[in-house]
Amino acid sequence: MSSTTPVKMKLHAVAHARAGDKGNRLNVCLMPYDPRAYEALALQLTPERVQAAYAHRGATAVTRHDLPLLPAFNFVIDNVLEGGVNGSLNLDGHGKSNAFLLLDLWVEVPAEFRKRQP
């Protein structure tokens, strides 16, 4: 198998993310470790797929903002924070840990895009 043959792996093996809140909206910024993985991830991380990953949290809509020059994606996920930091009894009202829901998705990318362990 060549290093350009796509293999299935968890998204956290090829990208990192940071999450934050704006009221009841969650922002998740995702950046691949290797910029060459951007196009493959763009094809797989559709707003519909991301919304499905957050459906159990009540997500009603997802907007994906593509930032190819960084390369990065910003996902804005509506109604997922149970009212937001001031209105929720959730232990993580800011949504900081919610990036891991996205990073747990399976993607298919060439193995060479996997983060190298030190």
PDB file of N, CA and C in Angstrom:
ATOM      1  N   MET A   1       0.853  -1.166   0.000  1.00  0.00           N
ATOM      2  CA  MET A   1       0.000   0.000   0.000  1.00  0.00           C
ATOM      3  C   MET A   1       0.908   1.242   0.000  1.00  0.00           C
ATOM      4  N   SER A   2       0.647   2.161  -0.933  1.00  0.00           N
ATOM      5  CA  SER A   2       1.457   3.376  -0.992  1.00  0.00           C
ATOM      6  C   SER A   2       1.003   4.351   0.086  1.00  0.00           C
ATOM      7  N   SER A   3       1.849   5.330   0.369  1.00  0.00           N
ATOM      8  CA  SER A   3       1.515   6.292   1.414  1.00  0.00           C
ATOM      9  C   SER A   3       0.401   7.243   0.978  1.00  0.00           C
ATOM     10  N   THR A   4       0.046   7.246  -0.310  1.00  0.00           N
ATOM     11  CA  THR A   4      -1.032   8.114  -0.781  1.00  0.00           C
ATOM     12  C   THR A   4      -2.373   7.391  -0.845  1.00  0.00           C
ATOM     13  N   THR A   5      -2.392   6.098  -0.539  1.00  0.00           N
ATOM     14  CA  THR A   5      -3.638   5.350  -0.501  1.00  0.00           C
ATOM     15  C   THR A   5      -4.412   5.751   0.756  1.00  0.00           C
ATOM     16  N   PRO A   6      -5.668   6.173   0.593  1.00  0.00           N
ATOM     17  CA  PRO A   6      -6.431   6.578   1.785  1.00  0.00           C
ATOM     18  C   PRO A   6      -6.637   5.426   2.766  1.00  0.00           C
ATOM     19  N   VAL A   7      -6.484   5.735   4.034  1.00  0.00           N
ATOM     20  CA  VAL A   7      -6.754   4.783   5.106  1.00  0.00           C
ATOM     21  C   VAL A   7      -7.725   5.438   6.083  1.00  0.00           C
ATOM     22  N   LYS A   8      -8.494   4.625   6.774  1.00  0.00           N
ATOM     23  CA  LYS A   8      -9.480   5.126   7.724  1.00  0.00           C
ATOM     24  C   LYS A   8      -8.823   5.333   9.078  1.00  0.00           C
ATOM     25  N   MET A   9      -9.036   6.528   9.645  1.00  0.00           N
ATOM     26  CA  MET A   9      -8.492   6.839  10.965  1.00  0.00           C
ATOM     27  C   MET A   9      -9.355   7.906  11.613  1.00  0.00           C
ATOM     28  N   LYS A  10      -9.209   8.060  12.913  1.00  0.00           N
ATOM     29  CA  LYS A  10      -9.932   9.107  13.627  1.00  0.00           C
ATOM     30  C   LYS A  10      -9.355  10.472  13.229  1.00  0.00           C
ATOM     31  N   LEU A  11     -10.230  11.455  13.178  1.00  0.00           N
ATOM     32  CA  LEU A  11      -9.828  12.798  12.773  1.00  0.00           C
ATOM     33  C   LEU A  11      -8.713  13.348  13.651  1.00  0.00           C
ATOM     34  N   HIS A  12      -8.706  13.005  14.939  1.00  0.00           N
ATOM     35  CA  HIS A  12      -7.658  13.528  15.831  1.00  0.00           C
ATOM     36  C   HIS A  12      -6.260  13.079  15.434  1.00  0.00           C
ATOM     37  N   ALA A  13      -6.154  12.063  14.592  1.00  0.00           N
ATOM     38  CA  ALA A  13      -4.838  11.613  14.126  1.00  0.00           C
ATOM     39  C   ALA A  13      -4.274  12.533  13.047  1.00  0.00           C
ATOM     40  N   VAL A  14      -5.144  13.354  12.424  1.00  0.00           N
ATOM     41  CA  VAL A  14      -4.686  14.214  11.337  1.00  0.00           C
ATOM     42  C   VAL A  14      -4.963  15.699  11.556  1.00  0.00           C
ATOM     43  N   ALA A  15      -5.659  16.035  12.656  1.00  0.00           N
ATOM     44  CA  ALA A  15      -6.009  17.442  12.876  1.00  0.00           C
ATOM     45  C   ALA A  15      -6.159  17.729  14.360  1.00  0.00           C
ATOM     46  N   HIS A  16      -6.076  18.997  14.686  1.00  0.00           N
ATOM     47  CA  HIS A  16      -6.355  19.429  16.052  1.00  0.00           C
ATOM     48  C   HIS A  16      -7.449  20.484  15.993  1.00  0.00           C
ATOM     49  N   ALA A  17      -8.101  20.731  17.128  1.00  0.00           N
ATOM     50  CA  ALA A  17      -9.240  21.641  17.144  1.00  0.00           C
ATOM     51  C   ALA A  17      -9.273  22.430  18.440  1.00  0.00           C
ATOM     52  N   ARG A  18      -9.970  23.540  18.370  1.00  0.00           N
ATOM     53  CA  ARG A  18     -10.182  24.385  19.546  1.00  0.00           C
ATOM     54  C   ARG A  18     -11.624  24.852  19.513  1.00  0.00           C
ATOM     55  N   ALA A  19     -12.297  24.790  20.632  1.00  0.00           N
ATOM     56  CA  ALA A  19     -13.714  25.153  20.694  1.00  0.00           C
ATOM     57  C   ALA A  19     -13.939  26.311  21.644  1.00  0.00           C
ATOM     58  N   GLY A  20     -15.005  27.050  21.394  1.00  0.00           N
ATOM     59  CA  GLY A  20     -15.400  28.140  22.262  1.00  0.00           C
ATOM     60  C   GLY A  20     -16.861  28.449  22.046  1.00  0.00           C
ATOM     61  N   ASP A  21     -17.402  29.356  22.851  1.00  0.00           N
ATOM     62  CA  ASP A  21     -18.831  29.623  22.798  1.00  0.00           C
ATOM     63  C   ASP A  21     -19.131  31.052  22.397  1.00  0.00           C
ATOM     64  N   LYS A  22     -20.292  31.230  21.835  1.00  0.00           N
ATOM     65  CA  LYS A  22     -20.917  32.530  21.600  1.00  0.00           C
ATOM     66  C   LYS A  22     -22.380  32.324  21.922  1.00  0.00           C
ATOM     67  N   GLY A  23     -22.741  32.524  23.180  1.00  0.00           N
ATOM     68  CA  GLY A  23     -24.115  32.264  23.598  1.00  0.00           C
ATOM     69  C   GLY A  23     -24.410  30.781  23.524  1.00  0.00           C
ATOM     70  N   ASN A  24     -25.427  30.428  22.763  1.00  0.00           N
ATOM     71  CA  ASN A  24     -25.801  29.026  22.613  1.00  0.00           C
ATOM     72  C   ASN A  24     -25.162  28.404  21.366  1.00  0.00           C
ATOM     73  N   ARG A  25     -24.210  29.101  20.779  1.00  0.00           N
ATOM     74  CA  ARG A  25     -23.499  28.602  19.605  1.00  0.00           C
ATOM     75  C   ARG A  25     -22.106  28.135  20.000  1.00  0.00           C
ATOM     76  N   LEU A  26     -21.700  27.063  19.372  1.00  0.00           N
ATOM     77  CA  LEU A  26     -20.356  26.538  19.574  1.00  0.00           C
ATOM     78  C   LEU A  26     -19.547  26.816  18.320  1.00  0.00           C
ATOM     79  N   ASN A  27     -18.348  27.355  18.488  1.00  0.00           N
ATOM     80  CA  ASN A  27     -17.404  27.525  17.386  1.00  0.00           C
ATOM     81  C   ASN A  27     -16.309  26.487  17.563  1.00  0.00           C
ATOM     82  N   VAL A  28     -16.054  25.707  16.516  1.00  0.00           N
ATOM     83  CA  VAL A  28     -14.957  24.753  16.556  1.00  0.00           C
ATOM     84  C   VAL A  28     -14.058  25.043  15.365  1.00  0.00           C
ATOM     85  N   CYS A  29     -12.827  25.413  15.654  1.00  0.00           N
ATOM     86  CA  CYS A  29     -11.838  25.637  14.610  1.00  0.00           C
ATOM     87  C   CYS A  29     -11.008  24.361  14.485  1.00  0.00           C
ATOM     88  N   LEU A  30     -10.889  23.865  13.257  1.00  0.00           N
ATOM     89  CA  LEU A  30     -10.165  22.622  13.003  1.00  0.00           C
ATOM     90  C   LEU A  30      -9.031  22.897  12.033  1.00  0.00           C
ATOM     91  N   MET A  31      -7.831  22.434  12.380  1.00  0.00           N
ATOM     92  CA  MET A  31      -6.668  22.614  11.515  1.00  0.00           C
ATOM     93  C   MET A  31      -5.944  21.284  11.335  1.00  0.00           C
ATOM     94  N   PRO A  32      -5.749  20.858  10.081  1.00  0.00           N
ATOM     95  CA  PRO A  32      -4.976  19.637   9.871  1.00  0.00           C
ATOM     96  C   PRO A  32      -3.500  19.868  10.216  1.00  0.00           C
ATOM     97  N   TYR A  33      -2.852  18.826  10.731  1.00  0.00           N
ATOM     98  CA  TYR A  33      -1.428  18.921  11.031  1.00  0.00           C
ATOM     99  C   TYR A  33      -0.622  19.125   9.751  1.00  0.00           C
ATOM    100  N   ASP A  34      -1.040  18.457   8.684  1.00  0.00           N
ATOM    101  CA  ASP A  34      -0.386  18.565   7.382  1.00  0.00           C
ATOM    102  C   ASP A  34      -1.327  19.326   6.459  1.00  0.00           C
ATOM    103  N   PRO A  35      -0.922  20.488   5.945  1.00  0.00           N
ATOM    104  CA  PRO A  35      -1.810  21.278   5.086  1.00  0.00           C
ATOM    105  C   PRO A  35      -2.337  20.520   3.867  1.00  0.00           C
ATOM    106  N   ARG A  36      -1.614  19.507   3.427  1.00  0.00           N
ATOM    107  CA  ARG A  36      -2.060  18.732   2.266  1.00  0.00           C
ATOM    108  C   ARG A  36      -3.329  17.935   2.553  1.00  0.00           C
ATOM    109  N   ALA A  37      -3.678  17.744   3.810  1.00  0.00           N
ATOM    110  CA  ALA A  37      -4.889  16.996   4.173  1.00  0.00           C
ATOM    111  C   ALA A  37      -6.150  17.842   4.039  1.00  0.00           C
ATOM    112  N   TYR A  38      -6.000  19.126   3.844  1.00  0.00           N
ATOM    113  CA  TYR A  38      -7.140  20.059   3.829  1.00  0.00           C
ATOM    114  C   TYR A  38      -8.222  19.649   2.828  1.00  0.00           C
ATOM    115  N   GLU A  39      -7.838  19.380   1.601  1.00  0.00           N
ATOM    116  CA  GLU A  39      -8.830  19.057   0.565  1.00  0.00           C
ATOM    117  C   GLU A  39      -9.605  17.779   0.885  1.00  0.00           C
ATOM    118  N   ALA A  40      -8.903  16.757   1.354  1.00  0.00           N
ATOM    119  CA  ALA A  40      -9.571  15.503   1.707  1.00  0.00           C
ATOM    120  C   ALA A  40     -10.552  15.713   2.852  1.00  0.00           C
ATOM    121  N   LEU A  41     -10.166  16.523   3.820  1.00  0.00           N
ATOM    122  CA  LEU A  41     -11.055  16.800   4.950  1.00  0.00           C
ATOM    123  C   LEU A  41     -12.246  17.654   4.510  1.00  0.00           C
ATOM    124  N   ALA A  42     -12.022  18.581   3.592  1.00  0.00           N
ATOM    125  CA  ALA A  42     -13.123  19.428   3.097  1.00  0.00           C
ATOM    126  C   ALA A  42     -14.219  18.588   2.453  1.00  0.00           C
ATOM    127  N   LEU A  43     -13.842  17.534   1.775  1.00  0.00           N
ATOM    128  CA  LEU A  43     -14.826  16.663   1.130  1.00  0.00           C
ATOM    129  C   LEU A  43     -15.631  15.848   2.137  1.00  0.00           C
ATOM    130  N   GLN A  44     -15.035  15.540   3.271  1.00  0.00           N
ATOM    131  CA  GLN A  44     -15.672  14.637   4.235  1.00  0.00           C
ATOM    132  C   GLN A  44     -16.376  15.340   5.393  1.00  0.00           C
ATOM    133  N   LEU A  45     -15.919  16.504   5.764  1.00  0.00           N
ATOM    134  CA  LEU A  45     -16.470  17.195   6.932  1.00  0.00           C
ATOM    135  C   LEU A  45     -17.524  18.210   6.499  1.00  0.00           C
ATOM    136  N   THR A  46     -18.592  17.692   5.967  1.00  0.00           N
ATOM    137  CA  THR A  46     -19.690  18.535   5.511  1.00  0.00           C
ATOM    138  C   THR A  46     -20.476  19.062   6.713  1.00  0.00           C
ATOM    139  N   PRO A  47     -21.177  20.167   6.542  1.00  0.00           N
ATOM    140  CA  PRO A  47     -22.020  20.650   7.641  1.00  0.00           C
ATOM    141  C   PRO A  47     -23.028  19.593   8.110  1.00  0.00           C
ATOM    142  N   GLU A  48     -23.556  18.822   7.186  1.00  0.00           N
ATOM    143  CA  GLU A  48     -24.534  17.779   7.545  1.00  0.00           C
ATOM    144  C   GLU A  48     -23.891  16.705   8.420  1.00  0.00           C
ATOM    145  N   ARG A  49     -22.682  16.309   8.078  1.00  0.00           N
ATOM    146  CA  ARG A  49     -21.997  15.275   8.872  1.00  0.00           C
ATOM    147  C   ARG A  49     -21.641  15.796  10.261  1.00  0.00           C
ATOM    148  N   VAL A  50     -21.205  17.029  10.332  1.00  0.00           N
ATOM    149  CA  VAL A  50     -20.862  17.615  11.627  1.00  0.00           C
ATOM    150  C   VAL A  50     -22.126  17.783  12.471  1.00  0.00           C
ATOM    151  N   GLN A  51     -23.223  18.203  11.863  1.00  0.00           N
ATOM    152  CA  GLN A  51     -24.469  18.331  12.610  1.00  0.00           C
ATOM    153  C   GLN A  51     -24.905  16.980  13.158  1.00  0.00           C
ATOM    154  N   ALA A  52     -24.741  15.931  12.385  1.00  0.00           N
ATOM    155  CA  ALA A  52     -25.097  14.588  12.859  1.00  0.00           C
ATOM    156  C   ALA A  52     -24.250  14.196  14.071  1.00  0.00           C
ATOM    157  N   ALA A  53     -22.986  14.616  14.093  1.00  0.00           N
ATOM    158  CA  ALA A  53     -22.107  14.291  15.221  1.00  0.00           C
ATOM    159  C   ALA A  53     -22.550  14.995  16.501  1.00  0.00           C
ATOM    160  N   TYR A  54     -23.214  16.131  16.366  1.00  0.00           N
ATOM    161  CA  TYR A  54     -23.669  16.909  17.519  1.00  0.00           C
ATOM    162  C   TYR A  54     -25.179  16.815  17.730  1.00  0.00           C
ATOM    163  N   ALA A  55     -25.860  15.963  16.993  1.00  0.00           N
ATOM    164  CA  ALA A  55     -27.321  15.861  17.080  1.00  0.00           C
ATOM    165  C   ALA A  55     -27.782  15.513  18.496  1.00  0.00           C
ATOM    166  N   HIS A  56     -27.071  14.629  19.169  1.00  0.00           N
ATOM    167  CA  HIS A  56     -27.466  14.233  20.520  1.00  0.00           C
ATOM    168  C   HIS A  56     -27.360  15.388  21.516  1.00  0.00           C
ATOM    169  N   ARG A  57     -26.662  16.457  21.141  1.00  0.00           N
ATOM    170  CA  ARG A  57     -26.540  17.650  21.986  1.00  0.00           C
ATOM    171  C   ARG A  57     -27.571  18.713  21.609  1.00  0.00           C
ATOM    172  N   GLY A  58     -28.411  18.426  20.597  1.00  0.00           N
ATOM    173  CA  GLY A  58     -29.470  19.348  20.205  1.00  0.00           C
ATOM    174  C   GLY A  58     -29.114  20.294  19.078  1.00  0.00           C
ATOM    175  N   ALA A  59     -28.009  20.061  18.378  1.00  0.00           N
ATOM    176  CA  ALA A  59     -27.591  20.942  17.280  1.00  0.00           C
ATOM    177  C   ALA A  59     -28.697  21.054  16.238  1.00  0.00           C
ATOM    178  N   THR A  60     -29.000  22.287  15.843  1.00  0.00           N
ATOM    179  CA  THR A  60     -30.050  22.510  14.848  1.00  0.00           C
ATOM    180  C   THR A  60     -29.510  22.950  13.500  1.00  0.00           C
ATOM    181  N   ALA A  61     -28.285  23.434  13.441  1.00  0.00           N
ATOM    182  CA  ALA A  61     -27.687  23.864  12.177  1.00  0.00           C
ATOM    183  C   ALA A  61     -26.181  23.964  12.343  1.00  0.00           C
ATOM    184  N   VAL A  62     -25.468  23.764  11.238  1.00  0.00           N
ATOM    185  CA  VAL A  62     -24.011  23.922  11.225  1.00  0.00           C
ATOM    186  C   VAL A  62     -23.636  24.728   9.985  1.00  0.00           C
ATOM    187  N   THR A  63     -22.808  25.729  10.197  1.00  0.00           N
ATOM    188  CA  THR A  63     -22.240  26.488   9.094  1.00  0.00           C
ATOM    189  C   THR A  63     -20.743  26.239   9.103  1.00  0.00           C
ATOM    190  N   ARG A  64     -20.203  25.889   7.940  1.00  0.00           N
ATOM    191  CA  ARG A  64     -18.758  25.667   7.832  1.00  0.00           C
ATOM    192  C   ARG A  64     -18.147  26.836   7.071  1.00  0.00           C
ATOM    193  N   HIS A  65     -17.158  27.453   7.694  1.00  0.00           N
ATOM    194  CA  HIS A  65     -16.410  28.525   7.050  1.00  0.00           C
ATOM    195  C   HIS A  65     -15.048  27.957   6.669  1.00  0.00           C
ATOM    196  N   ASP A  66     -14.759  27.944   5.369  1.00  0.00           N
ATOM    197  CA  ASP A  66     -13.493  27.405   4.879  1.00  0.00           C
ATOM    198  C   ASP A  66     -12.430  28.494   4.884  1.00  0.00           C
ATOM    199  N   LEU A  67     -11.266  28.149   5.392  1.00  0.00           N
ATOM    200  CA  LEU A  67     -10.132  29.070   5.456  1.00  0.00           C
ATOM    201  C   LEU A  67      -8.925  28.386   4.824  1.00  0.00           C
ATOM    202  N   PRO A  68      -8.936  28.201   3.496  1.00  0.00           N
ATOM    203  CA  PRO A  68      -7.906  27.399   2.837  1.00  0.00           C
ATOM    204  C   PRO A  68      -6.490  27.961   2.920  1.00  0.00           C
ATOM    205  N   LEU A  69      -6.335  29.253   3.111  1.00  0.00           N
ATOM    206  CA  LEU A  69      -4.987  29.813   3.181  1.00  0.00           C
ATOM    207  C   LEU A  69      -4.307  29.553   4.521  1.00  0.00           C
ATOM    208  N   LEU A  70      -5.068  29.168   5.560  1.00  0.00           N
ATOM    209  CA  LEU A  70      -4.447  28.903   6.859  1.00  0.00           C
ATOM    210  C   LEU A  70      -3.757  27.546   6.937  1.00  0.00           C
ATOM    211  N   PRO A  71      -4.198  26.435   6.588  1.00  0.00           N
ATOM    212  CA  PRO A  71      -5.537  25.978   6.219  1.00  0.00           C
ATOM    213  C   PRO A  71      -6.326  25.593   7.478  1.00  0.00           C
ATOM    214  N   ALA A  72      -7.604  25.903   7.461  1.00  0.00           N
ATOM    215  CA  ALA A  72      -8.445  25.607   8.621  1.00  0.00           C
ATOM    216  C   ALA A  72      -9.909  25.662   8.233  1.00  0.00           C
ATOM    217  N   PHE A  73     -10.740  25.158   9.134  1.00  0.00           N
ATOM    218  CA  PHE A  73     -12.193  25.248   9.009  1.00  0.00           C
ATOM    219  C   PHE A  73     -12.718  25.818  10.318  1.00  0.00           C
ATOM    220  N   ASN A  74     -13.753  26.631  10.228  1.00  0.00           N
ATOM    221  CA  ASN A  74     -14.445  27.064  11.437  1.00  0.00           C
ATOM    222  C   ASN A  74     -15.884  26.587  11.315  1.00  0.00           C
ATOM    223  N   PHE A  75     -16.300  25.754  12.239  1.00  0.00           N
ATOM    224  CA  PHE A  75     -17.670  25.253  12.270  1.00  0.00           C
ATOM    225  C   PHE A  75     -18.436  26.026  13.330  1.00  0.00           C
ATOM    226  N   VAL A  76     -19.573  26.589  12.947  1.00  0.00           N
ATOM    227  CA  VAL A  76     -20.462  27.275  13.879  1.00  0.00           C
ATOM    228  C   VAL A  76     -21.673  26.372  14.049  1.00  0.00           C
ATOM    229  N   ILE A  77     -21.875  25.889  15.274  1.00  0.00           N
ATOM    230  CA  ILE A  77     -22.903  24.887  15.555  1.00  0.00           C
ATOM    231  C   ILE A  77     -23.952  25.516  16.461  1.00  0.00           C
ATOM    232  N   ASP A  78     -25.166  25.612  15.952  1.00  0.00           N
ATOM    233  CA  ASP A  78     -26.252  26.297  16.664  1.00  0.00           C
ATOM    234  C   ASP A  78     -26.965  25.395  17.668  1.00  0.00           C
ATOM    235  N   ASN A  79     -27.342  26.009  18.786  1.00  0.00           N
ATOM    236  CA  ASN A  79     -28.200  25.389  19.820  1.00  0.00           C
ATOM    237  C   ASN A  79     -27.622  24.116  20.416  1.00  0.00           C
ATOM    238  N   VAL A  80     -26.331  24.123  20.659  1.00  0.00           N
ATOM    239  CA  VAL A  80     -25.682  22.915  21.158  1.00  0.00           C
ATOM    240  C   VAL A  80     -25.201  23.054  22.608  1.00  0.00           C
ATOM    241  N   LEU A  81     -25.281  24.258  23.170  1.00  0.00           N
ATOM    242  CA  LEU A  81     -24.710  24.487  24.501  1.00  0.00           C
ATOM    243  C   LEU A  81     -25.756  24.609  25.602  1.00  0.00           C
ATOM    244  N   GLU A  82     -26.941  24.100  25.358  1.00  0.00           N
ATOM    245  CA  GLU A  82     -28.000  24.082  26.369  1.00  0.00           C
ATOM    246  C   GLU A  82     -28.253  25.476  26.955  1.00  0.00           C
ATOM    247  N   GLY A  83     -28.214  26.490  26.104  1.00  0.00           N
ATOM    248  CA  GLY A  83     -28.477  27.849  26.543  1.00  0.00           C
ATOM    249  C   GLY A  83     -27.237  28.701  26.718  1.00  0.00           C
ATOM    250  N   GLY A  84     -26.061  28.115  26.707  1.00  0.00           N
ATOM    251  CA  GLY A  84     -24.832  28.873  26.864  1.00  0.00           C
ATOM    252  C   GLY A  84     -24.387  28.958  28.313  1.00  0.00           C
ATOM    253  N   VAL A  85     -23.271  29.582  28.519  1.00  0.00           N
ATOM    254  CA  VAL A  85     -22.625  29.591  29.830  1.00  0.00           C
ATOM    255  C   VAL A  85     -23.506  30.198  30.925  1.00  0.00           C
ATOM    256  N   ASN A  86     -24.294  31.204  30.594  1.00  0.00           N
ATOM    257  CA  ASN A  86     -25.119  31.846  31.624  1.00  0.00           C
ATOM    258  C   ASN A  86     -26.470  31.182  31.830  1.00  0.00           C
ATOM    259  N   GLY A  87     -26.868  30.302  30.904  1.00  0.00           N
ATOM    260  CA  GLY A  87     -28.184  29.705  31.024  1.00  0.00           C
ATOM    261  C   GLY A  87     -28.194  28.202  31.168  1.00  0.00           C
ATOM    262  N   SER A  88     -27.028  27.596  31.254  1.00  0.00           N
ATOM    263  CA  SER A  88     -26.951  26.142  31.263  1.00  0.00           C
ATOM    264  C   SER A  88     -26.422  25.623  32.595  1.00  0.00           C
ATOM    265  N   LEU A  89     -26.917  24.469  32.995  1.00  0.00           N
ATOM    266  CA  LEU A  89     -26.369  23.774  34.159  1.00  0.00           C
ATOM    267  C   LEU A  89     -25.269  22.802  33.751  1.00  0.00           C
ATOM    268  N   ASN A  90     -24.973  22.770  32.458  1.00  0.00           N
ATOM    269  CA  ASN A  90     -23.927  21.921  31.911  1.00  0.00           C
ATOM    270  C   ASN A  90     -22.587  22.262  32.568  1.00  0.00           C
ATOM    271  N   LEU A  91     -21.805  21.280  32.904  1.00  0.00           N
ATOM    272  CA  LEU A  91     -20.499  21.514  33.517  1.00  0.00           C
ATOM    273  C   LEU A  91     -19.532  22.223  32.574  1.00  0.00           C
ATOM    274  N   ASP A  92     -19.783  22.130  31.263  1.00  0.00           N
ATOM    275  CA  ASP A  92     -18.917  22.760  30.276  1.00  0.00           C
ATOM    276  C   ASP A  92     -19.736  23.748  29.444  1.00  0.00           C
ATOM    277  N   GLY A  93     -20.232  24.779  30.089  1.00  0.00           N
ATOM    278  CA  GLY A  93     -21.076  25.760  29.418  1.00  0.00           C
ATOM    279  C   GLY A  93     -20.389  26.514  28.300  1.00  0.00           C
ATOM    280  N   HIS A  94     -19.065  26.600  28.364  1.00  0.00           N
ATOM    281  CA  HIS A  94     -18.308  27.267  27.300  1.00  0.00           C
ATOM    282  C   HIS A  94     -18.076  26.340  26.107  1.00  0.00           C
ATOM    283  N   GLY A  95     -18.307  25.061  26.279  1.00  0.00           N
ATOM    284  CA  GLY A  95     -18.157  24.114  25.180  1.00  0.00           C
ATOM    285  C   GLY A  95     -16.732  23.732  24.835  1.00  0.00           C
ATOM    286  N   LYS A  96     -15.784  24.014  25.714  1.00  0.00           N
ATOM    287  CA  LYS A  96     -14.376  23.745  25.411  1.00  0.00           C
ATOM    288  C   LYS A  96     -14.101  22.282  25.084  1.00  0.00           C
ATOM    289  N   SER A  97     -14.771  21.365  25.755  1.00  0.00           N
ATOM    290  CA  SER A  97     -14.515  19.942  25.515  1.00  0.00           C
ATOM    291  C   SER A  97     -15.242  19.417  24.284  1.00  0.00           C
ATOM    292  N   ASN A  98     -16.132  20.210  23.698  1.00  0.00           N
ATOM    293  CA  ASN A  98     -16.922  19.740  22.565  1.00  0.00           C
ATOM    294  C   ASN A  98     -16.130  19.568  21.270  1.00  0.00           C
ATOM    295  N   ALA A  99     -14.917  20.074  21.213  1.00  0.00           N
ATOM    296  CA  ALA A  99     -14.077  19.843  20.033  1.00  0.00           C
ATOM    297  C   ALA A  99     -13.809  18.350  19.857  1.00  0.00           C
ATOM    298  N   PHE A 100     -13.798  17.625  20.970  1.00  0.00           N
ATOM    299  CA  PHE A 100     -13.485  16.204  20.895  1.00  0.00           C
ATOM    300  C   PHE A 100     -14.575  15.397  20.198  1.00  0.00           C
ATOM    301  N   LEU A 101     -15.800  15.903  20.187  1.00  0.00           N
ATOM    302  CA  LEU A 101     -16.850  15.221  19.429  1.00  0.00           C
ATOM    303  C   LEU A 101     -16.528  15.241  17.941  1.00  0.00           C
ATOM    304  N   LEU A 102     -16.004  16.348  17.472  1.00  0.00           N
ATOM    305  CA  LEU A 102     -15.605  16.448  16.067  1.00  0.00           C
ATOM    306  C   LEU A 102     -14.367  15.598  15.799  1.00  0.00           C
ATOM    307  N   LEU A 103     -13.390  15.676  16.679  1.00  0.00           N
ATOM    308  CA  LEU A 103     -12.140  14.933  16.484  1.00  0.00           C
ATOM    309  C   LEU A 103     -12.311  13.423  16.560  1.00  0.00           C
ATOM    310  N   ASP A 104     -13.454  12.960  17.037  1.00  0.00           N
ATOM    311  CA  ASP A 104     -13.709  11.525  17.141  1.00  0.00           C
ATOM    312  C   ASP A 104     -14.309  10.936  15.863  1.00  0.00           C
ATOM    313  N   LEU A 105     -14.579  11.778  14.867  1.00  0.00           N
ATOM    314  CA  LEU A 105     -15.130  11.274  13.606  1.00  0.00           C
ATOM    315  C   LEU A 105     -14.074  10.487  12.836  1.00  0.00           C
ATOM    316  N   TRP A 106     -14.535   9.522  12.053  1.00  0.00           N
ATOM    317  CA  TRP A 106     -13.656   8.752  11.175  1.00  0.00           C
ATOM    318  C   TRP A 106     -13.518   9.484   9.843  1.00  0.00           C
ATOM    319  N   VAL A 107     -12.300   9.527   9.319  1.00  0.00           N
ATOM    320  CA  VAL A 107     -12.029  10.105   8.010  1.00  0.00           C
ATOM    321  C   VAL A 107     -11.115   9.155   7.249  1.00  0.00           C
ATOM    322  N   GLU A 108     -11.086   9.327   5.934  1.00  0.00           N
ATOM    323  CA  GLU A 108     -10.161   8.566   5.099  1.00  0.00           C
ATOM    324  C   GLU A 108      -9.198   9.537   4.439  1.00  0.00           C
ATOM    325  N   VAL A 109      -7.933   9.413   4.795  1.00  0.00           N
ATOM    326  CA  VAL A 109      -6.880  10.254   4.238  1.00  0.00           C
ATOM    327  C   VAL A 109      -5.626   9.401   4.073  1.00  0.00           C
ATOM    328  N   PRO A 110      -4.699   9.829   3.206  1.00  0.00           N
ATOM    329  CA  PRO A 110      -3.438   9.086   3.103  1.00  0.00           C
ATOM    330  C   PRO A 110      -2.739   9.019   4.462  1.00  0.00           C
ATOM    331  N   ALA A 111      -2.143   7.875   4.737  1.00  0.00           N
ATOM    332  CA  ALA A 111      -1.461   7.649   6.010  1.00  0.00           C
ATOM    333  C   ALA A 111      -0.373   8.677   6.278  1.00  0.00           C
ATOM    334  N   GLU A 112       0.216   9.229   5.232  1.00  0.00           N
ATOM    335  CA  GLU A 112       1.296  10.203   5.423  1.00  0.00           C
ATOM    336  C   GLU A 112       0.820  11.489   6.108  1.00  0.00           C
ATOM    337  N   PHE A 113      -0.516  11.710   6.173  1.00  0.00           N
ATOM    338  CA  PHE A 113      -1.037  12.902   6.816  1.00  0.00           C
ATOM    339  C   PHE A 113      -1.219  12.719   8.321  1.00  0.00           C
ATOM    340  N   ARG A 114      -1.033  11.509   8.818  1.00  0.00           N
ATOM    341  CA  ARG A 114      -1.174  11.228  10.252  1.00  0.00           C
ATOM    342  C   ARG A 114      -0.078  11.954  11.028  1.00  0.00           C
ATOM    343  N   LYS A 115      -0.449  12.521  12.167  1.00  0.00           N
ATOM    344  CA  LYS A 115       0.528  13.224  13.001  1.00  0.00           C
ATOM    345  C   LYS A 115       1.604  12.253  13.458  1.00  0.00           C
ATOM    346  N   ARG A 116       2.810  12.675  13.338  1.00  0.00           N
ATOM    347  CA  ARG A 116       3.946  11.868  13.781  1.00  0.00           C
ATOM    348  C   ARG A 116       4.120  12.031  15.283  1.00  0.00           C
ATOM    349  N   GLN A 117       4.276  10.934  15.981  1.00  0.00           N
ATOM    350  CA  GLN A 117       4.514  10.973  17.417  1.00  0.00           C
ATOM    351  C   GLN A 117       5.993  11.245  17.666  1.00  0.00           C
ATOM    352  N   PRO A 118       6.323  12.086  18.658  1.00  0.00           N
ATOM    353  CA  PRO A 118       7.746  12.407  18.940  1.00  0.00           C
ATOM    354  C   PRO A 118       8.500  11.202  19.453  1.00  0.00           C
TER     355      PRO A 118
END
